[in-house]
Amino acid sequence: MADRETKQGQMESTLKEWGAKIDELKAKTDEVGDDAKADIQTKIEYLESKKAEMQSNLDKLKASSDDAWESVVSGFQGAWAELGNAFEEAASKFK
């Protein structure tokens, strides 16, 4: 049970970090040209939708039984990695 609570805490922390990163990206859109701005805004919208999806998944995981938790959490690891990669890609537009 402690392992489950630890993982949930890590996921919640990661979602908060991603929310802060989205806010940073939004603030930086003023620094780019009009051509890049549309592309970055599209990426931000994608990131926001994926973050909301991951929050929903986390909420479902929290409500799941201990047996279901183990099988479901492994299935979400790929989605977490995908979202992390999307953040890196969007952030690279400002480098």
PDB file of N, CA and C in Angstrom:
ATOM      1  N   MET A   1       0.823  -1.201   0.000  1.00  0.00           N
ATOM      2  CA  MET A   1       0.000   0.000   0.000  1.00  0.00           C
ATOM      3  C   MET A   1       0.867   1.266   0.000  1.00  0.00           C
ATOM      4  N   ALA A   2       1.964   1.219   0.759  1.00  0.00           N
ATOM      5  CA  ALA A   2       2.841   2.391   0.793  1.00  0.00           C
ATOM      6  C   ALA A   2       3.426   2.668  -0.580  1.00  0.00           C
ATOM      7  N   ASP A   3       3.749   1.596  -1.327  1.00  0.00           N
ATOM      8  CA  ASP A   3       4.284   1.754  -2.672  1.00  0.00           C
ATOM      9  C   ASP A   3       3.253   2.427  -3.580  1.00  0.00           C
ATOM     10  N   ARG A   4       2.018   2.042  -3.427  1.00  0.00           N
ATOM     11  CA  ARG A   4       0.937   2.645  -4.218  1.00  0.00           C
ATOM     12  C   ARG A   4       0.816   4.126  -3.894  1.00  0.00           C
ATOM     13  N   GLU A   5       0.833   4.468  -2.621  1.00  0.00           N
ATOM     14  CA  GLU A   5       0.720   5.874  -2.214  1.00  0.00           C
ATOM     15  C   GLU A   5       1.923   6.684  -2.707  1.00  0.00           C
ATOM     16  N   THR A   6       3.094   6.072  -2.681  1.00  0.00           N
ATOM     17  CA  THR A   6       4.294   6.741  -3.184  1.00  0.00           C
ATOM     18  C   THR A   6       4.160   7.034  -4.669  1.00  0.00           C
ATOM     19  N   LYS A   7       3.732   6.034  -5.436  1.00  0.00           N
ATOM     20  CA  LYS A   7       3.559   6.221  -6.879  1.00  0.00           C
ATOM     21  C   LYS A   7       2.499   7.277  -7.190  1.00  0.00           C
ATOM     22  N   GLN A   8       1.409   7.252  -6.432  1.00  0.00           N
ATOM     23  CA  GLN A   8       0.365   8.267  -6.639  1.00  0.00           C
ATOM     24  C   GLN A   8       0.927   9.656  -6.356  1.00  0.00           C
ATOM     25  N   GLY A   9       1.678   9.777  -5.295  1.00  0.00           N
ATOM     26  CA  GLY A   9       2.288  11.065  -4.961  1.00  0.00           C
ATOM     27  C   GLY A   9       3.238  11.535  -6.041  1.00  0.00           C
ATOM     28  N   GLN A  10       4.019  10.610  -6.589  1.00  0.00           N
ATOM     29  CA  GLN A  10       4.937  10.961  -7.670  1.00  0.00           C
ATOM     30  C   GLN A  10       4.181  11.416  -8.906  1.00  0.00           C
ATOM     31  N   MET A  11       3.092  10.718  -9.228  1.00  0.00           N
ATOM     32  CA  MET A  11       2.284  11.090 -10.391  1.00  0.00           C
ATOM     33  C   MET A  11       1.648  12.460 -10.189  1.00  0.00           C
ATOM     34  N   GLU A  12       1.128  12.711  -9.002  1.00  0.00           N
ATOM     35  CA  GLU A  12       0.525  14.013  -8.712  1.00  0.00           C
ATOM     36  C   GLU A  12       1.570  15.119  -8.816  1.00  0.00           C
ATOM     37  N   SER A  13       2.752  14.863  -8.301  1.00  0.00           N
ATOM     38  CA  SER A  13       3.836  15.833  -8.370  1.00  0.00           C
ATOM     39  C   SER A  13       4.228  16.115  -9.819  1.00  0.00           C
ATOM     40  N   THR A  14       4.302  15.061 -10.610  1.00  0.00           N
ATOM     41  CA  THR A  14       4.643  15.222 -12.021  1.00  0.00           C
ATOM     42  C   THR A  14       3.578  16.033 -12.749  1.00  0.00           C
ATOM     43  N   LEU A  15       2.319  15.769 -12.470  1.00  0.00           N
ATOM     44  CA  LEU A  15       1.243  16.537 -13.110  1.00  0.00           C
ATOM     45  C   LEU A  15       1.333  18.016 -12.734  1.00  0.00           C
ATOM     46  N   LYS A  16       1.663  18.309 -11.493  1.00  0.00           N
ATOM     47  CA  LYS A  16       1.826  19.712 -11.074  1.00  0.00           C
ATOM     48  C   LYS A  16       2.987  20.358 -11.815  1.00  0.00           C
ATOM     49  N   GLU A  17       4.092  19.622 -11.959  1.00  0.00           N
ATOM     50  CA  GLU A  17       5.248  20.139 -12.697  1.00  0.00           C
ATOM     51  C   GLU A  17       4.870  20.426 -14.142  1.00  0.00           C
ATOM     52  N   TRP A  18       4.127  19.492 -14.763  1.00  0.00           N
ATOM     53  CA  TRP A  18       3.722  19.690 -16.147  1.00  0.00           C
ATOM     54  C   TRP A  18       2.784  20.891 -16.280  1.00  0.00           C
ATOM     55  N   GLY A  19       1.924  21.094 -15.297  1.00  0.00           N
ATOM     56  CA  GLY A  19       1.060  22.268 -15.312  1.00  0.00           C
ATOM     57  C   GLY A  19       1.875  23.551 -15.271  1.00  0.00           C
ATOM     58  N   ALA A  20       2.912  23.554 -14.444  1.00  0.00           N
ATOM     59  CA  ALA A  20       3.790  24.727 -14.361  1.00  0.00           C
ATOM     60  C   ALA A  20       4.546  24.928 -15.674  1.00  0.00           C
ATOM     61  N   LYS A  21       4.979  23.837 -16.296  1.00  0.00           N
ATOM     62  CA  LYS A  21       5.686  23.941 -17.570  1.00  0.00           C
ATOM     63  C   LYS A  21       4.765  24.471 -18.665  1.00  0.00           C
ATOM     64  N   ILE A  22       3.521  24.043 -18.660  1.00  0.00           N
ATOM     65  CA  ILE A  22       2.556  24.566 -19.633  1.00  0.00           C
ATOM     66  C   ILE A  22       2.413  26.070 -19.445  1.00  0.00           C
ATOM     67  N   ASP A  23       2.302  26.505 -18.199  1.00  0.00           N
ATOM     68  CA  ASP A  23       2.197  27.939 -17.923  1.00  0.00           C
ATOM     69  C   ASP A  23       3.429  28.694 -18.416  1.00  0.00           C
ATOM     70  N   GLU A  24       4.619  28.100 -18.237  1.00  0.00           N
ATOM     71  CA  GLU A  24       5.848  28.723 -18.728  1.00  0.00           C
ATOM     72  C   GLU A  24       5.829  28.833 -20.250  1.00  0.00           C
ATOM     73  N   LEU A  25       5.382  27.769 -20.914  1.00  0.00           N
ATOM     74  CA  LEU A  25       5.315  27.798 -22.378  1.00  0.00           C
ATOM     75  C   LEU A  25       4.345  28.868 -22.858  1.00  0.00           C
ATOM     76  N   LYS A  26       3.226  28.983 -22.169  1.00  0.00           N
ATOM     77  CA  LYS A  26       2.249  30.015 -22.535  1.00  0.00           C
ATOM     78  C   LYS A  26       2.872  31.400 -22.414  1.00  0.00           C
ATOM     79  N   ALA A  27       3.617  31.622 -21.344  1.00  0.00           N
ATOM     80  CA  ALA A  27       4.247  32.925 -21.134  1.00  0.00           C
ATOM     81  C   ALA A  27       5.297  33.214 -22.198  1.00  0.00           C
ATOM     82  N   LYS A  28       5.972  32.190 -22.674  1.00  0.00           N
ATOM     83  CA  LYS A  28       7.033  32.376 -23.658  1.00  0.00           C
ATOM     84  C   LYS A  28       6.528  32.551 -25.078  1.00  0.00           C
ATOM     85  N   THR A  29       5.254  32.292 -25.333  1.00  0.00           N
ATOM     86  CA  THR A  29       4.759  32.417 -26.707  1.00  0.00           C
ATOM     87  C   THR A  29       4.857  33.845 -27.212  1.00  0.00           C
ATOM     88  N   ASP A  30       4.883  34.808 -26.301  1.00  0.00           N
ATOM     89  CA  ASP A  30       5.022  36.205 -26.712  1.00  0.00           C
ATOM     90  C   ASP A  30       6.417  36.505 -27.249  1.00  0.00           C
ATOM     91  N   GLU A  31       7.378  35.633 -26.941  1.00  0.00           N
ATOM     92  CA  GLU A  31       8.760  35.857 -27.339  1.00  0.00           C
ATOM     93  C   GLU A  31       9.076  35.355 -28.744  1.00  0.00           C
ATOM     94  N   VAL A  32       8.153  34.636 -29.354  1.00  0.00           N
ATOM     95  CA  VAL A  32       8.437  34.036 -30.659  1.00  0.00           C
ATOM     96  C   VAL A  32       7.674  34.770 -31.763  1.00  0.00           C
ATOM     97  N   GLY A  33       8.090  34.533 -32.986  1.00  0.00           N
ATOM     98  CA  GLY A  33       7.421  35.140 -34.129  1.00  0.00           C
ATOM     99  C   GLY A  33       6.057  34.524 -34.380  1.00  0.00           C
ATOM    100  N   ASP A  34       5.301  35.179 -35.232  1.00  0.00           N
ATOM    101  CA  ASP A  34       3.940  34.730 -35.516  1.00  0.00           C
ATOM    102  C   ASP A  34       3.893  33.330 -36.116  1.00  0.00           C
ATOM    103  N   ASP A  35       4.869  32.994 -36.963  1.00  0.00           N
ATOM    104  CA  ASP A  35       4.885  31.669 -37.582  1.00  0.00           C
ATOM    105  C   ASP A  35       5.022  30.575 -36.535  1.00  0.00           C
ATOM    106  N   ALA A  36       5.923  30.763 -35.610  1.00  0.00           N
ATOM    107  CA  ALA A  36       6.158  29.755 -34.574  1.00  0.00           C
ATOM    108  C   ALA A  36       5.048  29.765 -33.533  1.00  0.00           C
ATOM    109  N   LYS A  37       4.434  30.915 -33.329  1.00  0.00           N
ATOM    110  CA  LYS A  37       3.417  31.040 -32.282  1.00  0.00           C
ATOM    111  C   LYS A  37       2.249  30.081 -32.500  1.00  0.00           C
ATOM    112  N   ALA A  38       1.766  29.977 -33.718  1.00  0.00           N
ATOM    113  CA  ALA A  38       0.633  29.086 -34.011  1.00  0.00           C
ATOM    114  C   ALA A  38       1.006  27.637 -33.733  1.00  0.00           C
ATOM    115  N   ASP A  39       2.221  27.245 -34.124  1.00  0.00           N
ATOM    116  CA  ASP A  39       2.680  25.876 -33.883  1.00  0.00           C
ATOM    117  C   ASP A  39       2.790  25.601 -32.389  1.00  0.00           C
ATOM    118  N   ILE A  40       3.338  26.528 -31.658  1.00  0.00           N
ATOM    119  CA  ILE A  40       3.517  26.349 -30.214  1.00  0.00           C
ATOM    120  C   ILE A  40       2.165  26.317 -29.504  1.00  0.00           C
ATOM    121  N   GLN A  41       1.243  27.162 -29.921  1.00  0.00           N
ATOM    122  CA  GLN A  41      -0.078  27.155 -29.300  1.00  0.00           C
ATOM    123  C   GLN A  41      -0.796  25.826 -29.543  1.00  0.00           C
ATOM    124  N   THR A  42      -0.605  25.258 -30.722  1.00  0.00           N
ATOM    125  CA  THR A  42      -1.176  23.939 -31.012  1.00  0.00           C
ATOM    126  C   THR A  42      -0.579  22.889 -30.078  1.00  0.00           C
ATOM    127  N   LYS A  43       0.722  22.959 -29.878  1.00  0.00           N
ATOM    128  CA  LYS A  43       1.387  22.024 -28.969  1.00  0.00           C
ATOM    129  C   LYS A  43       0.915  22.215 -27.530  1.00  0.00           C
ATOM    130  N   ILE A  44       0.714  23.449 -27.120  1.00  0.00           N
ATOM    131  CA  ILE A  44       0.225  23.727 -25.766  1.00  0.00           C
ATOM    132  C   ILE A  44      -1.166  23.137 -25.579  1.00  0.00           C
ATOM    133  N   GLU A  45      -2.025  23.306 -26.566  1.00  0.00           N
ATOM    134  CA  GLU A  45      -3.367  22.721 -26.484  1.00  0.00           C
ATOM    135  C   GLU A  45      -3.297  21.202 -26.368  1.00  0.00           C
ATOM    136  N   TYR A  46      -2.391  20.602 -27.139  1.00  0.00           N
ATOM    137  CA  TYR A  46      -2.206  19.153 -27.066  1.00  0.00           C
ATOM    138  C   TYR A  46      -1.735  18.756 -25.669  1.00  0.00           C
ATOM    139  N   LEU A  47      -0.750  19.469 -25.139  1.00  0.00           N
ATOM    140  CA  LEU A  47      -0.223  19.168 -23.815  1.00  0.00           C
ATOM    141  C   LEU A  47      -1.300  19.302 -22.745  1.00  0.00           C
ATOM    142  N   GLU A  48      -2.114  20.337 -22.857  1.00  0.00           N
ATOM    143  CA  GLU A  48      -3.190  20.526 -21.878  1.00  0.00           C
ATOM    144  C   GLU A  48      -4.192  19.377 -21.938  1.00  0.00           C
ATOM    145  N   SER A  49      -4.518  18.927 -23.142  1.00  0.00           N
ATOM    146  CA  SER A  49      -5.485  17.825 -23.260  1.00  0.00           C
ATOM    147  C   SER A  49      -4.888  16.526 -22.727  1.00  0.00           C
ATOM    148  N   LYS A  50      -3.609  16.275 -23.008  1.00  0.00           N
ATOM    149  CA  LYS A  50      -2.956  15.069 -22.501  1.00  0.00           C
ATOM    150  C   LYS A  50      -2.816  15.130 -20.981  1.00  0.00           C
ATOM    151  N   LYS A  51      -2.526  16.299 -20.437  1.00  0.00           N
ATOM    152  CA  LYS A  51      -2.414  16.446 -18.985  1.00  0.00           C
ATOM    153  C   LYS A  51      -3.765  16.164 -18.335  1.00  0.00           C
ATOM    154  N   ALA A  52      -4.829  16.680 -18.925  1.00  0.00           N
ATOM    155  CA  ALA A  52      -6.168  16.417 -18.399  1.00  0.00           C
ATOM    156  C   ALA A  52      -6.504  14.935 -18.475  1.00  0.00           C
ATOM    157  N   GLU A  53      -6.098  14.302 -19.558  1.00  0.00           N
ATOM    158  CA  GLU A  53      -6.322  12.867 -19.714  1.00  0.00           C
ATOM    159  C   GLU A  53      -5.561  12.085 -18.641  1.00  0.00           C
ATOM    160  N   MET A  54      -4.333  12.479 -18.401  1.00  0.00           N
ATOM    161  CA  MET A  54      -3.537  11.792 -17.385  1.00  0.00           C
ATOM    162  C   MET A  54      -4.105  12.028 -15.984  1.00  0.00           C
ATOM    163  N   GLN A  55      -4.633  13.226 -15.732  1.00  0.00           N
ATOM    164  CA  GLN A  55      -5.262  13.486 -14.436  1.00  0.00           C
ATOM    165  C   GLN A  55      -6.484  12.596 -14.257  1.00  0.00           C
ATOM    166  N   SER A  56      -7.260  12.446 -15.312  1.00  0.00           N
ATOM    167  CA  SER A  56      -8.424  11.575 -15.259  1.00  0.00           C
ATOM    168  C   SER A  56      -8.003  10.129 -14.996  1.00  0.00           C
ATOM    169  N   ASN A  57      -6.959   9.696 -15.681  1.00  0.00           N
ATOM    170  CA  ASN A  57      -6.455   8.339 -15.471  1.00  0.00           C
ATOM    171  C   ASN A  57      -5.958   8.151 -14.046  1.00  0.00           C
ATOM    172  N   LEU A  58      -5.279   9.144 -13.518  1.00  0.00           N
ATOM    173  CA  LEU A  58      -4.793   9.062 -12.143  1.00  0.00           C
ATOM    174  C   LEU A  58      -5.964   8.977 -11.174  1.00  0.00           C
ATOM    175  N   ASP A  59      -6.997   9.743 -11.421  1.00  0.00           N
ATOM    176  CA  ASP A  59      -8.184   9.687 -10.564  1.00  0.00           C
ATOM    177  C   ASP A  59      -8.810   8.291 -10.586  1.00  0.00           C
ATOM    178  N   LYS A  60      -8.838   7.682 -11.766  1.00  0.00           N
ATOM    179  CA  LYS A  60      -9.360   6.316 -11.878  1.00  0.00           C
ATOM    180  C   LYS A  60      -8.478   5.332 -11.139  1.00  0.00           C
ATOM    181  N   LEU A  61      -7.165   5.526 -11.254  1.00  0.00           N
ATOM    182  CA  LEU A  61      -6.237   4.645 -10.555  1.00  0.00           C
ATOM    183  C   LEU A  61      -6.408   4.741  -9.046  1.00  0.00           C
ATOM    184  N   LYS A  62      -6.606   5.950  -8.567  1.00  0.00           N
ATOM    185  CA  LYS A  62      -6.789   6.154  -7.126  1.00  0.00           C
ATOM    186  C   LYS A  62      -8.013   5.400  -6.624  1.00  0.00           C
ATOM    187  N   ALA A  63      -9.027   5.325  -7.462  1.00  0.00           N
ATOM    188  CA  ALA A  63     -10.273   4.673  -7.059  1.00  0.00           C
ATOM    189  C   ALA A  63     -10.240   3.160  -7.278  1.00  0.00           C
ATOM    190  N   SER A  64      -9.202   2.643  -7.916  1.00  0.00           N
ATOM    191  CA  SER A  64      -9.152   1.222  -8.231  1.00  0.00           C
ATOM    192  C   SER A  64      -8.743   0.393  -7.018  1.00  0.00           C
ATOM    193  N   SER A  65      -9.050  -0.887  -7.097  1.00  0.00           N
ATOM    194  CA  SER A  65      -8.648  -1.814  -6.038  1.00  0.00           C
ATOM    195  C   SER A  65      -7.143  -2.053  -6.123  1.00  0.00           C
ATOM    196  N   ASP A  66      -6.578  -2.622  -5.066  1.00  0.00           N
ATOM    197  CA  ASP A  66      -5.146  -2.887  -5.059  1.00  0.00           C
ATOM    198  C   ASP A  66      -4.744  -3.842  -6.181  1.00  0.00           C
ATOM    199  N   ASP A  67      -5.562  -4.836  -6.451  1.00  0.00           N
ATOM    200  CA  ASP A  67      -5.252  -5.787  -7.524  1.00  0.00           C
ATOM    201  C   ASP A  67      -5.264  -5.092  -8.887  1.00  0.00           C
ATOM    202  N   ALA A  68      -6.250  -4.266  -9.114  1.00  0.00           N
ATOM    203  CA  ALA A  68      -6.368  -3.561 -10.386  1.00  0.00           C
ATOM    204  C   ALA A  68      -5.253  -2.525 -10.530  1.00  0.00           C
ATOM    205  N   TRP A  69      -4.850  -1.921  -9.435  1.00  0.00           N
ATOM    206  CA  TRP A  69      -3.816  -0.885  -9.454  1.00  0.00           C
ATOM    207  C   TRP A  69      -2.550  -1.388 -10.139  1.00  0.00           C
ATOM    208  N   GLU A  70      -2.065  -2.530  -9.751  1.00  0.00           N
ATOM    209  CA  GLU A  70      -0.812  -3.056 -10.299  1.00  0.00           C
ATOM    210  C   GLU A  70      -0.881  -3.267 -11.802  1.00  0.00           C
ATOM    211  N   SER A  71      -1.987  -3.801 -12.286  1.00  0.00           N
ATOM    212  CA  SER A  71      -2.088  -4.064 -13.718  1.00  0.00           C
ATOM    213  C   SER A  71      -2.316  -2.779 -14.508  1.00  0.00           C
ATOM    214  N   VAL A  72      -3.074  -1.853 -13.958  1.00  0.00           N
ATOM    215  CA  VAL A  72      -3.401  -0.631 -14.686  1.00  0.00           C
ATOM    216  C   VAL A  72      -2.235   0.343 -14.708  1.00  0.00           C
ATOM    217  N   VAL A  73      -1.504   0.450 -13.616  1.00  0.00           N
ATOM    218  CA  VAL A  73      -0.419   1.425 -13.553  1.00  0.00           C
ATOM    219  C   VAL A  73       0.666   1.121 -14.580  1.00  0.00           C
ATOM    220  N   SER A  74       0.936  -0.128 -14.835  1.00  0.00           N
ATOM    221  CA  SER A  74       1.949  -0.463 -15.838  1.00  0.00           C
ATOM    222  C   SER A  74       1.499  -0.045 -17.232  1.00  0.00           C
ATOM    223  N   GLY A  75       0.211  -0.091 -17.495  1.00  0.00           N
ATOM    224  CA  GLY A  75      -0.310   0.327 -18.783  1.00  0.00           C
ATOM    225  C   GLY A  75      -0.212   1.816 -19.027  1.00  0.00           C
ATOM    226  N   PHE A  76      -0.164   2.592 -17.962  1.00  0.00           N
ATOM    227  CA  PHE A  76      -0.102   4.046 -18.106  1.00  0.00           C
ATOM    228  C   PHE A  76       1.321   4.573 -18.228  1.00  0.00           C
ATOM    229  N   GLN A  77       2.302   3.764 -17.965  1.00  0.00           N
ATOM    230  CA  GLN A  77       3.681   4.228 -18.022  1.00  0.00           C
ATOM    231  C   GLN A  77       4.047   4.734 -19.412  1.00  0.00           C
ATOM    232  N   GLY A  78       3.556   4.072 -20.444  1.00  0.00           N
ATOM    233  CA  GLY A  78       3.816   4.532 -21.803  1.00  0.00           C
ATOM    234  C   GLY A  78       3.194   5.885 -22.072  1.00  0.00           C
ATOM    235  N   ALA A  79       1.972   6.095 -21.579  1.00  0.00           N
ATOM    236  CA  ALA A  79       1.297   7.376 -21.769  1.00  0.00           C
ATOM    237  C   ALA A  79       2.033   8.490 -21.029  1.00  0.00           C
ATOM    238  N   TRP A  80       2.542   8.187 -19.841  1.00  0.00           N
ATOM    239  CA  TRP A  80       3.319   9.180 -19.084  1.00  0.00           C
ATOM    240  C   TRP A  80       4.581   9.556 -19.851  1.00  0.00           C
ATOM    241  N   ALA A  81       5.239   8.552 -20.410  1.00  0.00           N
ATOM    242  CA  ALA A  81       6.460   8.803 -21.178  1.00  0.00           C
ATOM    243  C   ALA A  81       6.155   9.634 -22.419  1.00  0.00           C
ATOM    244  N   GLU A  82       5.041   9.328 -23.082  1.00  0.00           N
ATOM    245  CA  GLU A  82       4.642  10.084 -24.274  1.00  0.00           C
ATOM    246  C   GLU A  82       4.419  11.552 -23.942  1.00  0.00           C
ATOM    247  N   LEU A  83       3.746  11.807 -22.847  1.00  0.00           N
ATOM    248  CA  LEU A  83       3.490  13.186 -22.452  1.00  0.00           C
ATOM    249  C   LEU A  83       4.792  13.888 -22.088  1.00  0.00           C
ATOM    250  N   GLY A  84       5.674  13.203 -21.408  1.00  0.00           N
ATOM    251  CA  GLY A  84       6.970  13.795 -21.070  1.00  0.00           C
ATOM    252  C   GLY A  84       7.746  14.166 -22.321  1.00  0.00           C
ATOM    253  N   ASN A  85       7.730  13.297 -23.319  1.00  0.00           N
ATOM    254  CA  ASN A  85       8.404  13.591 -24.586  1.00  0.00           C
ATOM    255  C   ASN A  85       7.763  14.777 -25.291  1.00  0.00           C
ATOM    256  N   ALA A  86       6.449  14.882 -25.231  1.00  0.00           N
ATOM    257  CA  ALA A  86       5.745  16.011 -25.858  1.00  0.00           C
ATOM    258  C   ALA A  86       6.150  17.324 -25.197  1.00  0.00           C
ATOM    259  N   PHE A  87       6.324  17.308 -23.878  1.00  0.00           N
ATOM    260  CA  PHE A  87       6.784  18.509 -23.178  1.00  0.00           C
ATOM    261  C   PHE A  87       8.180  18.901 -23.643  1.00  0.00           C
ATOM    262  N   GLU A  88       9.055  17.918 -23.756  1.00  0.00           N
ATOM    263  CA  GLU A  88      10.418  18.205 -24.191  1.00  0.00           C
ATOM    264  C   GLU A  88      10.428  18.786 -25.598  1.00  0.00           C
ATOM    265  N   GLU A  89       9.600  18.229 -26.468  1.00  0.00           N
ATOM    266  CA  GLU A  89       9.526  18.727 -27.851  1.00  0.00           C
ATOM    267  C   GLU A  89       9.026  20.167 -27.890  1.00  0.00           C
ATOM    268  N   ALA A  90       7.986  20.446 -27.131  1.00  0.00           N
ATOM    269  CA  ALA A  90       7.453  21.803 -27.118  1.00  0.00           C
ATOM    270  C   ALA A  90       8.460  22.773 -26.522  1.00  0.00           C
ATOM    271  N   ALA A  91       9.124  22.382 -25.466  1.00  0.00           N
ATOM    272  CA  ALA A  91      10.095  23.254 -24.814  1.00  0.00           C
ATOM    273  C   ALA A  91      11.286  23.521 -25.732  1.00  0.00           C
ATOM    274  N   SER A  92      11.640  22.564 -26.588  1.00  0.00           N
ATOM    275  CA  SER A  92      12.783  22.731 -27.472  1.00  0.00           C
ATOM    276  C   SER A  92      12.551  23.851 -28.499  1.00  0.00           C
ATOM    277  N   LYS A  93      11.322  24.212 -28.735  1.00  0.00           N
ATOM    278  CA  LYS A  93      11.011  25.290 -29.678  1.00  0.00           C
ATOM    279  C   LYS A  93      11.522  26.638 -29.188  1.00  0.00           C
ATOM    280  N   PHE A  94      11.819  26.729 -27.888  1.00  0.00           N
ATOM    281  CA  PHE A  94      12.268  27.986 -27.309  1.00  0.00           C
ATOM    282  C   PHE A  94      13.770  28.040 -27.130  1.00  0.00           C
ATOM    283  N   LYS A  95      14.461  26.979 -27.483  1.00  0.00           N
ATOM    284  CA  LYS A  95      15.912  26.938 -27.290  1.00  0.00           C
ATOM    285  C   LYS A  95      16.639  27.458 -28.495  1.00  0.00           C
TER     286      LYS A  95
END
